[in-house]
N, C-alpha and C. Protein backbone atom coordinates (compact mmCIF):
# COMPACT_ATOMS: atom_id res chain seq x y z
N HIS A 1 9.76 11.86 -14.83
CA HIS A 1 9.61 10.96 -15.94
C HIS A 1 8.71 11.58 -17.01
N PRO A 2 9.25 12.44 -17.84
CA PRO A 2 8.42 13.11 -18.85
C PRO A 2 7.79 12.16 -19.87
N ASP A 3 8.34 10.97 -20.04
CA ASP A 3 7.79 10.02 -21.00
C ASP A 3 6.70 9.13 -20.40
N ALA A 4 6.35 9.36 -19.14
CA ALA A 4 5.36 8.51 -18.46
C ALA A 4 3.94 8.77 -18.93
N GLY A 5 3.68 9.91 -19.54
CA GLY A 5 2.33 10.22 -20.00
C GLY A 5 1.37 10.57 -18.87
N GLY A 6 1.92 10.91 -17.72
CA GLY A 6 1.10 11.17 -16.54
C GLY A 6 1.07 9.94 -15.66
N PHE A 7 0.33 10.03 -14.56
CA PHE A 7 0.31 8.93 -13.59
C PHE A 7 -1.10 8.64 -13.11
N LYS A 8 -1.35 7.36 -12.84
CA LYS A 8 -2.56 6.92 -12.17
C LYS A 8 -2.16 6.67 -10.72
N VAL A 9 -2.90 7.25 -9.79
CA VAL A 9 -2.58 7.11 -8.37
C VAL A 9 -3.78 6.49 -7.67
N ALA A 10 -3.52 5.36 -7.00
CA ALA A 10 -4.61 4.65 -6.31
C ALA A 10 -4.10 3.97 -5.06
N PRO A 11 -3.61 4.75 -4.07
CA PRO A 11 -3.13 4.10 -2.85
C PRO A 11 -4.27 3.44 -2.09
N GLY A 12 -4.02 2.28 -1.58
CA GLY A 12 -5.01 1.56 -0.80
C GLY A 12 -5.47 0.30 -1.48
N ALA A 13 -5.70 -0.72 -0.69
CA ALA A 13 -6.06 -2.04 -1.22
C ALA A 13 -7.40 -2.04 -1.94
N HIS A 14 -8.25 -1.07 -1.66
CA HIS A 14 -9.58 -1.04 -2.27
C HIS A 14 -9.58 -0.46 -3.69
N MET A 15 -8.47 0.04 -4.15
CA MET A 15 -8.41 0.67 -5.47
C MET A 15 -8.22 -0.38 -6.55
N SER A 16 -8.39 0.01 -7.82
CA SER A 16 -8.49 -0.98 -8.88
C SER A 16 -7.29 -1.07 -9.82
N ILE A 17 -6.12 -0.58 -9.43
CA ILE A 17 -4.94 -0.78 -10.26
C ILE A 17 -3.93 -1.62 -9.48
N PRO A 18 -3.05 -2.32 -10.18
CA PRO A 18 -2.14 -3.26 -9.50
C PRO A 18 -1.14 -2.64 -8.52
N LEU A 19 -0.73 -1.39 -8.77
CA LEU A 19 0.23 -0.71 -7.90
C LEU A 19 -0.36 0.62 -7.44
N ASP A 20 0.22 1.20 -6.40
CA ASP A 20 -0.26 2.47 -5.87
C ASP A 20 -0.11 3.61 -6.87
N ILE A 21 0.99 3.60 -7.62
CA ILE A 21 1.26 4.62 -8.64
C ILE A 21 1.72 3.89 -9.90
N MET A 22 1.11 4.23 -11.03
CA MET A 22 1.49 3.63 -12.31
C MET A 22 1.48 4.71 -13.38
N SER A 23 2.44 4.64 -14.28
CA SER A 23 2.46 5.59 -15.39
C SER A 23 1.32 5.27 -16.35
N VAL A 24 0.83 6.32 -17.00
CA VAL A 24 -0.18 6.12 -18.04
C VAL A 24 0.46 5.33 -19.19
N ALA A 25 1.71 5.64 -19.52
CA ALA A 25 2.44 4.86 -20.52
C ALA A 25 2.74 3.49 -19.91
N GLU A 26 2.13 2.48 -20.46
CA GLU A 26 2.23 1.14 -19.89
C GLU A 26 3.68 0.64 -19.81
N GLY A 27 4.01 0.06 -18.66
CA GLY A 27 5.32 -0.55 -18.48
C GLY A 27 6.46 0.41 -18.19
N TYR A 28 6.15 1.67 -17.91
CA TYR A 28 7.23 2.64 -17.71
C TYR A 28 7.56 2.86 -16.23
N VAL A 29 6.58 3.27 -15.41
CA VAL A 29 6.82 3.54 -13.99
C VAL A 29 5.79 2.78 -13.15
N GLY A 30 6.27 2.17 -12.05
CA GLY A 30 5.40 1.54 -11.07
C GLY A 30 5.95 1.80 -9.68
N ALA A 31 5.06 2.07 -8.73
CA ALA A 31 5.52 2.37 -7.37
C ALA A 31 4.51 1.90 -6.33
N GLU A 32 5.03 1.59 -5.16
CA GLU A 32 4.22 1.29 -3.98
C GLU A 32 4.52 2.35 -2.94
N THR A 33 3.54 2.64 -2.08
CA THR A 33 3.68 3.67 -1.05
C THR A 33 3.15 3.15 0.28
N PHE A 34 3.71 3.66 1.37
CA PHE A 34 3.17 3.33 2.69
C PHE A 34 3.70 4.30 3.73
N ALA A 35 3.01 4.35 4.86
CA ALA A 35 3.44 5.12 6.02
C ALA A 35 3.66 4.14 7.16
N THR A 36 4.69 4.42 7.98
CA THR A 36 5.06 3.49 9.03
C THR A 36 5.88 4.18 10.10
N VAL A 37 5.98 3.57 11.25
CA VAL A 37 6.88 4.07 12.29
C VAL A 37 8.32 3.85 11.83
N HIS A 38 8.60 2.67 11.29
CA HIS A 38 9.92 2.35 10.72
C HIS A 38 9.70 1.42 9.53
N PRO A 39 10.41 1.62 8.42
CA PRO A 39 10.14 0.83 7.21
C PRO A 39 10.36 -0.67 7.35
N ARG A 40 11.09 -1.10 8.35
CA ARG A 40 11.29 -2.54 8.54
C ARG A 40 10.16 -3.19 9.37
N ASN A 41 9.26 -2.37 9.93
CA ASN A 41 8.13 -2.90 10.71
C ASN A 41 7.15 -3.67 9.82
N ASN A 42 6.59 -4.72 10.34
CA ASN A 42 5.46 -5.44 9.73
C ASN A 42 5.74 -6.06 8.37
N GLY A 43 6.98 -6.08 7.91
CA GLY A 43 7.31 -6.73 6.65
C GLY A 43 6.82 -6.02 5.41
N LYS A 44 6.31 -4.79 5.55
CA LYS A 44 5.76 -4.07 4.39
C LYS A 44 6.84 -3.76 3.35
N LEU A 45 8.00 -3.32 3.78
CA LEU A 45 9.07 -3.01 2.85
C LEU A 45 9.49 -4.26 2.08
N VAL A 46 9.67 -5.37 2.77
CA VAL A 46 10.06 -6.63 2.13
C VAL A 46 9.00 -7.07 1.13
N ALA A 47 7.74 -7.00 1.52
CA ALA A 47 6.65 -7.41 0.63
C ALA A 47 6.58 -6.53 -0.61
N ASP A 48 6.73 -5.22 -0.43
CA ASP A 48 6.69 -4.32 -1.58
C ASP A 48 7.89 -4.52 -2.50
N ARG A 49 9.06 -4.76 -1.93
CA ARG A 49 10.24 -5.04 -2.78
C ARG A 49 10.01 -6.29 -3.62
N MET A 50 9.50 -7.34 -2.99
CA MET A 50 9.24 -8.59 -3.73
C MET A 50 8.20 -8.36 -4.83
N LYS A 51 7.15 -7.63 -4.50
CA LYS A 51 6.11 -7.34 -5.48
C LYS A 51 6.68 -6.60 -6.68
N LEU A 52 7.49 -5.57 -6.41
CA LEU A 52 8.03 -4.77 -7.49
C LEU A 52 9.13 -5.51 -8.27
N GLN A 53 9.90 -6.35 -7.60
CA GLN A 53 10.91 -7.13 -8.32
C GLN A 53 10.27 -8.03 -9.37
N ALA A 54 9.08 -8.49 -9.10
CA ALA A 54 8.38 -9.38 -10.03
C ALA A 54 7.70 -8.63 -11.17
N ARG A 55 7.70 -7.33 -11.13
CA ARG A 55 7.04 -6.51 -12.15
C ARG A 55 8.03 -6.15 -13.25
N SER A 56 7.49 -5.73 -14.39
CA SER A 56 8.34 -5.45 -15.55
C SER A 56 8.49 -3.97 -15.86
N GLU A 57 7.93 -3.08 -15.04
CA GLU A 57 8.09 -1.65 -15.32
C GLU A 57 9.57 -1.28 -15.37
N ARG A 58 9.89 -0.39 -16.26
CA ARG A 58 11.28 0.03 -16.43
C ARG A 58 11.80 0.76 -15.19
N CYS A 59 10.96 1.56 -14.56
CA CYS A 59 11.34 2.32 -13.37
C CYS A 59 10.41 1.91 -12.22
N ARG A 60 11.00 1.38 -11.14
CA ARG A 60 10.21 0.87 -10.01
C ARG A 60 10.68 1.52 -8.72
N TYR A 61 9.71 1.95 -7.91
CA TYR A 61 10.01 2.70 -6.69
C TYR A 61 9.15 2.23 -5.52
N ILE A 62 9.70 2.45 -4.33
CA ILE A 62 8.93 2.39 -3.09
C ILE A 62 9.13 3.74 -2.41
N PHE A 63 8.02 4.38 -2.04
CA PHE A 63 8.04 5.64 -1.31
C PHE A 63 7.37 5.40 0.03
N PHE A 64 8.00 5.86 1.11
CA PHE A 64 7.38 5.71 2.43
C PHE A 64 7.59 6.95 3.26
N ALA A 65 6.68 7.16 4.19
CA ALA A 65 6.80 8.24 5.17
C ALA A 65 6.99 7.60 6.53
N SER A 66 7.99 8.10 7.29
CA SER A 66 8.29 7.56 8.60
C SER A 66 8.97 8.61 9.45
N PRO A 67 8.59 8.72 10.72
CA PRO A 67 9.30 9.66 11.59
C PRO A 67 10.77 9.27 11.79
N ALA A 68 11.11 8.02 11.53
CA ALA A 68 12.51 7.58 11.66
C ALA A 68 13.38 8.13 10.53
N PHE A 69 12.75 8.60 9.44
CA PHE A 69 13.46 9.17 8.29
C PHE A 69 12.75 10.47 7.92
N PRO A 70 13.04 11.57 8.64
CA PRO A 70 12.25 12.79 8.51
C PRO A 70 12.56 13.66 7.28
N SER A 71 13.41 13.21 6.38
CA SER A 71 13.67 14.00 5.18
C SER A 71 13.51 13.13 3.94
N SER A 72 13.31 13.79 2.81
CA SER A 72 13.17 13.07 1.55
C SER A 72 14.56 12.71 1.04
N MET A 73 14.78 11.41 0.90
CA MET A 73 16.07 10.95 0.39
C MET A 73 15.98 9.51 -0.10
N ARG A 74 16.87 9.20 -1.02
CA ARG A 74 16.97 7.82 -1.50
C ARG A 74 17.74 7.00 -0.46
N LEU A 75 17.31 5.75 -0.26
CA LEU A 75 17.91 4.88 0.75
C LEU A 75 18.44 3.59 0.11
N PRO A 76 19.62 3.64 -0.50
CA PRO A 76 20.18 2.48 -1.20
C PRO A 76 20.33 1.24 -0.31
N ASP A 77 20.53 1.41 0.99
CA ASP A 77 20.68 0.25 1.88
C ASP A 77 19.40 -0.58 1.97
N PHE A 78 18.26 0.00 1.62
CA PHE A 78 16.98 -0.71 1.66
C PHE A 78 16.57 -1.27 0.29
N GLU A 79 17.37 -1.01 -0.72
CA GLU A 79 17.00 -1.37 -2.09
C GLU A 79 17.39 -2.79 -2.46
N VAL A 80 16.71 -3.30 -3.47
CA VAL A 80 17.08 -4.53 -4.15
C VAL A 80 17.23 -4.17 -5.62
N GLU A 81 17.86 -5.02 -6.37
CA GLU A 81 18.13 -4.71 -7.77
C GLU A 81 16.84 -4.33 -8.52
N GLY A 82 16.90 -3.17 -9.14
CA GLY A 82 15.78 -2.72 -9.96
C GLY A 82 14.71 -1.94 -9.23
N VAL A 83 14.82 -1.80 -7.90
CA VAL A 83 13.79 -1.11 -7.12
C VAL A 83 14.45 -0.06 -6.23
N GLN A 84 14.15 1.21 -6.49
CA GLN A 84 14.66 2.29 -5.64
C GLN A 84 13.72 2.49 -4.46
N VAL A 85 14.30 2.83 -3.31
CA VAL A 85 13.52 3.10 -2.10
C VAL A 85 13.80 4.53 -1.66
N TRP A 86 12.72 5.28 -1.41
CA TRP A 86 12.82 6.68 -1.01
C TRP A 86 11.99 6.96 0.23
N SER A 87 12.56 7.72 1.16
CA SER A 87 11.77 8.27 2.26
C SER A 87 11.22 9.61 1.77
N ILE A 88 10.02 9.96 2.22
CA ILE A 88 9.37 11.19 1.80
C ILE A 88 9.06 12.03 3.03
N ASP A 89 9.52 13.25 3.02
CA ASP A 89 9.24 14.18 4.11
C ASP A 89 7.81 14.68 3.97
N VAL A 90 7.03 14.42 4.99
CA VAL A 90 5.65 14.93 4.97
C VAL A 90 5.52 15.93 6.06
């Protein structure tokens, strides 16, 4: 996203921005991140999708790391309208 103006990254509930990743250009990119055994565990994926659906950023993402998805890829079956979901190979 070259028009994002860079990114603010603050993973963790103790940080002071509304999302884990936000573009410096307001309203452009917003993302949530998490690590899990499986993305359907503990309702985290559902909660993050709902959170991002309610946001107005033009580009919205969920990135997660899980041994159940050992490569980086987009997962359309986990998506809702307006929110892309990606597994990240770590």
